[in-house]
Amino acid sequence: MPSNIVKKYYRSNTLPHIWCHGCGNGIVTRCIVKAIDALGLDKNDVCVVSGIGCSSRASGYLDFNTLHTTHGRALAFATGVKLANPKLHVIVITGDGDSSAIGGNHLIHACRRNIDITTIVFNNNIYGMTGGQYSPTTPTGEKGTTAPYGNIDPNFDLCSLAKAAGASYVARGTAYGAVQLQKLIENGLKNKGFSFIEAITACPTYYGRKNKKGSVVNMMELVRDSAVVNNAWEKLSDEQKQGKFIVGEFYNEPRPEYTEQYDKIIAQYRKEGGL
């Protein structure tokens, strides 16, 4: 990344970061920063909120208004921030466990409300920071410290979940496809409503080691080879789809945004003789 980008958007005194060798979280964080820069957003008008987990450490490295909160509650805190100051560009950084397990209820209701928050889920298919437990996105049959013989749970498709719950923008990219991921984040930031971007990344330390995925390079190549753009997905047979996932923009349908609707309620109350 160009040094001027680092100086402008990172807290240099917090670097180097603590992520493991080969972790894709740094790439996803860079995509967020470059999306903000490409859109020319004033850093004083950006608030980055994170929960607990490997990905959530990113808020400490970024030189915006930042809030490092409790496990699974990033969206609840972010909702409060957005309601208090609707002019802010509120971005939530979260992991697959943080957002869809302990934070799953907050996720579906943030989607339902269509509050103007851009959420980026760093999905590495496992709880990385807390010891390698399987998460709601760990593929069936894959191993974790809490599933030494293989996970028997069906895994969530987070993008389908977000769309069904009411998010007005839904997309998925990968740490390998950084150029595409940056563009998807830009589009999410431009959407006036709840935007959900899933970023598929790699955890060599736990997920890779537990499931014998090979080297860091092997894992990144696996991400590359498993990703299929959405306009090519339907051309694949059911057999060809096995072990693969779709990337791209899945849903972009603006609808009334929550804080704007909330302001209308207040205005109506005042008009009728309230505060």
Protein backbone atom coordinates (compact mmCIF):
# COMPACT_ATOMS: atom_id res chain seq x y z
CA MET A 1 0.00 0.00 0.00
CA PRO A 2 1.36 3.49 -0.82
CA SER A 3 3.02 5.12 2.19
CA ASN A 4 0.76 8.19 1.97
CA ILE A 5 -2.29 5.95 2.44
CA VAL A 6 -0.70 4.37 5.51
CA LYS A 7 0.20 7.76 7.00
CA LYS A 8 -3.24 9.16 6.31
CA TYR A 9 -5.45 6.32 7.51
CA TYR A 10 -3.44 4.21 9.97
CA ARG A 11 -2.28 4.79 13.53
CA SER A 12 1.41 4.15 12.95
CA ASN A 13 2.10 3.73 16.67
CA THR A 14 -0.09 0.58 16.70
CA LEU A 15 1.85 -1.13 13.89
CA PRO A 16 3.05 -3.74 13.10
CA HIS A 17 -0.22 -5.65 13.46
CA ILE A 18 -0.63 -8.88 15.42
CA TRP A 19 -2.25 -10.98 12.67
CA CYS A 20 -0.57 -14.28 11.85
CA HIS A 21 1.63 -14.82 8.82
CA GLY A 22 -0.61 -15.45 5.82
CA CYS A 23 -3.81 -14.14 7.42
CA GLY A 24 -5.97 -12.30 4.87
CA ASN A 25 -7.31 -9.76 7.36
CA GLY A 26 -4.71 -7.19 6.37
CA ILE A 27 -5.79 -7.40 2.74
CA VAL A 28 -9.47 -6.92 3.63
CA THR A 29 -8.60 -3.98 5.90
CA ARG A 30 -6.61 -2.41 3.06
CA CYS A 31 -9.64 -2.80 0.75
CA ILE A 32 -11.79 -0.91 3.27
CA VAL A 33 -9.25 1.90 3.56
CA LYS A 34 -8.80 2.17 -0.21
CA ALA A 35 -12.58 2.23 -0.72
CA ILE A 36 -12.88 5.12 1.75
CA ASP A 37 -10.03 6.92 0.01
CA ALA A 38 -11.47 6.31 -3.48
CA LEU A 39 -14.78 7.84 -2.42
CA GLY A 40 -13.03 10.85 -0.90
CA LEU A 41 -14.76 10.49 2.46
CA ASP A 42 -13.59 12.85 5.20
CA LYS A 43 -11.97 10.64 7.84
CA ASN A 44 -13.60 12.76 10.54
CA ASP A 45 -17.00 11.72 9.16
CA VAL A 46 -16.17 7.99 9.31
CA CYS A 47 -16.77 5.83 12.38
CA VAL A 48 -15.43 2.26 12.41
CA VAL A 49 -17.00 -0.09 14.96
CA SER A 50 -15.79 -3.60 15.73
CA GLY A 51 -16.63 -6.39 18.15
CA ILE A 52 -14.26 -9.11 19.36
CA GLY A 53 -12.13 -11.41 17.22
CA CYS A 54 -9.12 -11.35 14.90
CA SER A 55 -10.84 -9.11 12.35
CA SER A 56 -12.11 -6.74 15.02
CA ARG A 57 -8.54 -5.77 15.90
CA ALA A 58 -8.55 -3.72 12.69
CA SER A 59 -10.37 -0.80 14.33
CA GLY A 60 -7.37 -0.22 16.59
CA TYR A 61 -5.05 0.21 13.62
CA LEU A 62 -7.27 2.65 11.71
CA ASP A 63 -7.13 6.40 12.26
CA PHE A 64 -10.83 7.23 12.14
CA ASN A 65 -13.39 7.63 14.88
CA THR A 66 -13.24 4.05 16.17
CA LEU A 67 -15.05 1.93 18.70
CA HIS A 68 -13.81 -1.52 19.80
CA THR A 69 -16.80 -3.07 21.54
CA THR A 70 -17.90 -6.35 23.10
CA HIS A 71 -18.32 -9.75 21.48
CA GLY A 72 -21.23 -9.83 19.03
CA ARG A 73 -22.44 -6.32 19.87
CA ALA A 74 -20.73 -4.20 17.21
CA LEU A 75 -23.99 -3.65 15.31
CA ALA A 76 -25.82 -2.64 18.47
CA PHE A 77 -23.17 -0.02 19.28
CA ALA A 78 -23.07 1.09 15.63
CA THR A 79 -26.84 1.54 15.61
CA GLY A 80 -26.52 3.88 18.60
CA VAL A 81 -23.74 5.84 16.88
CA LYS A 82 -25.77 6.20 13.67
CA LEU A 83 -28.92 7.32 15.49
CA ALA A 84 -26.92 9.86 17.51
CA ASN A 85 -25.19 11.26 14.41
CA PRO A 86 -26.86 10.16 11.15
CA LYS A 87 -24.34 12.14 9.09
CA LEU A 88 -21.53 9.76 9.97
CA HIS A 89 -20.44 6.98 7.60
CA VAL A 90 -20.64 4.08 10.03
CA ILE A 91 -18.68 0.95 9.14
CA VAL A 92 -18.80 -2.28 11.13
CA ILE A 93 -15.86 -4.68 10.99
CA THR A 94 -16.75 -8.13 12.26
CA GLY A 95 -15.94 -11.83 11.92
CA ASP A 96 -18.11 -14.78 10.94
CA GLY A 97 -18.53 -15.91 14.55
CA ASP A 98 -18.89 -12.40 15.95
CA SER A 99 -21.62 -11.49 13.45
CA SER A 100 -23.57 -14.71 12.96
CA ALA A 101 -23.31 -16.54 16.30
CA ILE A 102 -23.42 -14.34 19.40
CA GLY A 103 -24.22 -11.33 17.19
CA GLY A 104 -26.65 -13.06 14.86
CA ASN A 105 -29.77 -11.47 16.32
CA HIS A 106 -28.27 -7.99 16.00
CA LEU A 107 -27.39 -8.76 12.38
CA ILE A 108 -30.86 -9.78 11.27
CA HIS A 109 -32.50 -6.78 12.93
CA ALA A 110 -29.97 -4.30 11.51
CA CYS A 111 -30.77 -5.77 8.09
CA ARG A 112 -34.51 -5.57 8.78
CA ARG A 113 -34.34 -1.93 9.86
CA ASN A 114 -32.21 -0.99 6.84
CA ILE A 115 -30.17 1.40 8.96
CA ASP A 116 -27.38 3.10 7.02
CA ILE A 117 -24.45 1.00 8.23
CA THR A 118 -21.90 -0.75 6.03
CA THR A 119 -20.94 -4.12 7.53
CA ILE A 120 -17.90 -6.06 6.32
CA VAL A 121 -17.69 -9.64 7.58
CA PHE A 122 -14.19 -11.13 7.54
CA ASN A 123 -15.18 -14.77 7.01
CA ASN A 124 -12.35 -17.23 7.70
CA ASN A 125 -14.72 -20.10 8.60
CA ILE A 126 -13.50 -20.42 12.18
CA TYR A 127 -13.02 -18.66 15.51
CA GLY A 128 -9.38 -17.67 15.05
CA MET A 129 -8.59 -15.52 18.07
CA THR A 130 -10.20 -17.65 20.76
CA GLY A 131 -8.70 -21.01 19.86
CA GLY A 132 -10.01 -22.44 16.61
CA GLN A 133 -13.57 -23.42 17.54
CA TYR A 134 -15.92 -24.10 14.63
CA SER A 135 -18.23 -21.22 13.70
CA PRO A 136 -21.63 -20.94 11.97
CA THR A 137 -19.80 -20.72 8.63
CA THR A 138 -17.46 -23.68 9.09
CA PRO A 139 -18.30 -26.07 6.23
CA THR A 140 -19.98 -29.32 7.23
CA GLY A 141 -17.36 -31.99 7.83
CA GLU A 142 -14.49 -29.56 8.46
CA LYS A 143 -12.65 -29.63 11.77
CA GLY A 144 -12.09 -27.23 14.63
CA THR A 145 -10.88 -27.52 18.20
CA THR A 146 -14.51 -28.05 19.26
CA ALA A 147 -15.16 -30.40 16.35
CA PRO A 148 -12.10 -32.70 16.29
CA TYR A 149 -13.98 -35.33 14.25
CA GLY A 150 -15.65 -32.87 11.91
CA ASN A 151 -18.46 -30.33 12.16
CA ILE A 152 -21.91 -31.90 11.72
CA ASP A 153 -23.80 -28.58 11.56
CA PRO A 154 -24.95 -27.17 8.20
CA ASN A 155 -23.21 -23.84 7.65
CA PHE A 156 -24.83 -20.43 7.10
CA ASP A 157 -24.81 -18.68 3.75
CA LEU A 158 -24.40 -15.22 5.26
CA CYS A 159 -25.31 -13.32 2.10
CA SER A 160 -28.57 -15.24 1.71
CA LEU A 161 -29.29 -14.59 5.38
CA ALA A 162 -28.65 -10.84 5.03
CA LYS A 163 -30.80 -10.55 1.91
CA ALA A 164 -33.67 -12.50 3.47
CA ALA A 165 -33.49 -10.35 6.60
CA GLY A 166 -33.87 -7.13 4.58
CA ALA A 167 -30.42 -5.70 3.77
CA SER A 168 -30.68 -3.36 0.78
CA TYR A 169 -27.17 -4.12 -0.50
CA VAL A 170 -25.55 -7.57 -0.37
CA ALA A 171 -22.27 -8.71 -1.92
CA ARG A 172 -19.41 -11.16 -1.48
CA GLY A 173 -15.74 -10.86 -2.40
CA THR A 174 -12.46 -12.46 -1.38
CA ALA A 175 -9.07 -11.47 -0.03
CA TYR A 176 -7.59 -12.89 -3.23
CA GLY A 177 -9.79 -10.71 -5.43
CA ALA A 178 -8.84 -7.47 -3.70
CA VAL A 179 -9.73 -5.17 -6.62
CA GLN A 180 -13.25 -6.58 -6.81
CA LEU A 181 -13.65 -6.53 -3.03
CA GLN A 182 -12.68 -2.86 -2.85
CA LYS A 183 -15.28 -2.00 -5.48
CA LEU A 184 -17.99 -3.94 -3.64
CA ILE A 185 -17.17 -2.06 -0.44
CA GLU A 186 -17.33 1.25 -2.35
CA ASN A 187 -20.78 0.33 -3.65
CA GLY A 188 -21.86 -0.64 -0.15
CA LEU A 189 -20.69 2.69 1.25
CA LYS A 190 -22.64 4.54 -1.44
CA ASN A 191 -25.86 2.70 -0.60
CA LYS A 192 -28.17 4.67 1.70
CA GLY A 193 -29.25 1.74 3.83
CA PHE A 194 -27.87 -1.42 5.38
CA SER A 195 -25.02 -2.82 3.28
CA PHE A 196 -23.61 -6.28 3.88
CA ILE A 197 -20.33 -7.34 2.30
CA GLU A 198 -18.88 -10.76 3.07
CA ALA A 199 -15.11 -11.00 2.56
CA ILE A 200 -13.86 -14.58 2.28
CA THR A 201 -10.40 -14.79 3.80
CA ALA A 202 -8.01 -17.42 5.13
CA CYS A 203 -6.90 -18.53 8.60
CA PRO A 204 -3.77 -20.67 8.10
CA THR A 205 -3.06 -20.98 11.83
CA TYR A 206 -6.27 -22.72 12.87
CA TYR A 207 -8.58 -23.51 9.97
CA GLY A 208 -5.80 -24.38 7.58
CA ARG A 209 -3.78 -26.44 10.04
CA LYS A 210 -6.78 -28.31 11.46
CA ASN A 211 -8.06 -29.18 8.00
CA LYS A 212 -4.70 -29.84 6.31
CA LYS A 213 -5.16 -27.11 3.69
CA GLY A 214 -1.44 -26.82 3.06
CA SER A 215 0.68 -23.67 2.99
CA VAL A 216 -0.44 -20.05 3.09
CA VAL A 217 -0.07 -19.95 -0.69
CA ASN A 218 -2.13 -23.13 -1.02
CA MET A 219 -4.93 -21.56 1.03
CA MET A 220 -4.96 -18.38 -1.05
CA GLU A 221 -5.03 -20.46 -4.22
CA LEU A 222 -7.96 -22.41 -2.76
CA VAL A 223 -9.86 -19.17 -2.22
CA ARG A 224 -9.06 -18.14 -5.80
CA ASP A 225 -10.09 -21.46 -7.32
CA SER A 226 -13.28 -21.79 -5.26
CA ALA A 227 -14.70 -18.38 -6.14
CA VAL A 228 -17.06 -18.17 -9.13
CA VAL A 229 -18.50 -14.86 -10.37
CA ASN A 230 -22.28 -14.76 -10.12
CA ASN A 231 -22.96 -14.55 -13.86
CA ALA A 232 -21.01 -17.79 -14.42
CA TRP A 233 -22.49 -19.71 -11.48
CA GLU A 234 -25.70 -20.80 -13.20
CA LYS A 235 -23.71 -22.29 -16.06
CA LEU A 236 -22.10 -24.82 -13.71
CA SER A 237 -23.57 -28.25 -13.07
CA ASP A 238 -24.44 -29.29 -9.52
CA GLU A 239 -21.31 -31.42 -9.51
CA GLN A 240 -19.13 -28.49 -10.61
CA LYS A 241 -20.58 -26.30 -7.86
CA GLN A 242 -19.39 -28.64 -5.11
CA GLY A 243 -16.81 -26.91 -2.92
CA LYS A 244 -17.26 -23.57 -4.68
CA PHE A 245 -19.03 -20.32 -3.80
CA ILE A 246 -20.40 -17.29 -5.67
CA VAL A 247 -18.78 -13.86 -5.57
CA GLY A 248 -20.09 -10.54 -6.78
CA GLU A 249 -22.96 -8.17 -6.14
CA PHE A 250 -26.12 -10.13 -5.26
CA TYR A 251 -28.66 -7.49 -4.29
CA ASN A 252 -28.88 -3.72 -4.64
CA GLU A 253 -32.40 -2.42 -4.05
CA PRO A 254 -32.56 0.89 -2.12
CA ARG A 255 -35.51 1.38 0.20
CA PRO A 256 -36.39 3.84 3.01
CA GLU A 257 -33.53 4.21 5.48
CA TYR A 258 -34.11 3.88 9.22
CA THR A 259 -32.65 7.14 10.59
CA GLU A 260 -34.46 9.17 7.92
CA GLN A 261 -37.74 7.49 8.84
CA TYR A 262 -36.98 8.13 12.51
CA ASP A 263 -36.40 11.85 11.81
CA LYS A 264 -39.77 12.00 10.03
CA ILE A 265 -41.48 10.63 13.16
CA ILE A 266 -39.80 13.32 15.28
CA ALA A 267 -40.75 16.05 12.80
CA GLN A 268 -44.37 14.86 12.74
CA TYR A 269 -44.51 14.81 16.54
CA ARG A 270 -43.22 18.36 16.72
CA LYS A 271 -45.69 19.48 14.06
CA GLU A 272 -48.54 18.07 16.12
CA GLY A 273 -47.52 20.04 19.20
CA GLY A 274 -44.93 17.75 20.76
CA LEU A 275 -41.39 18.75 21.76
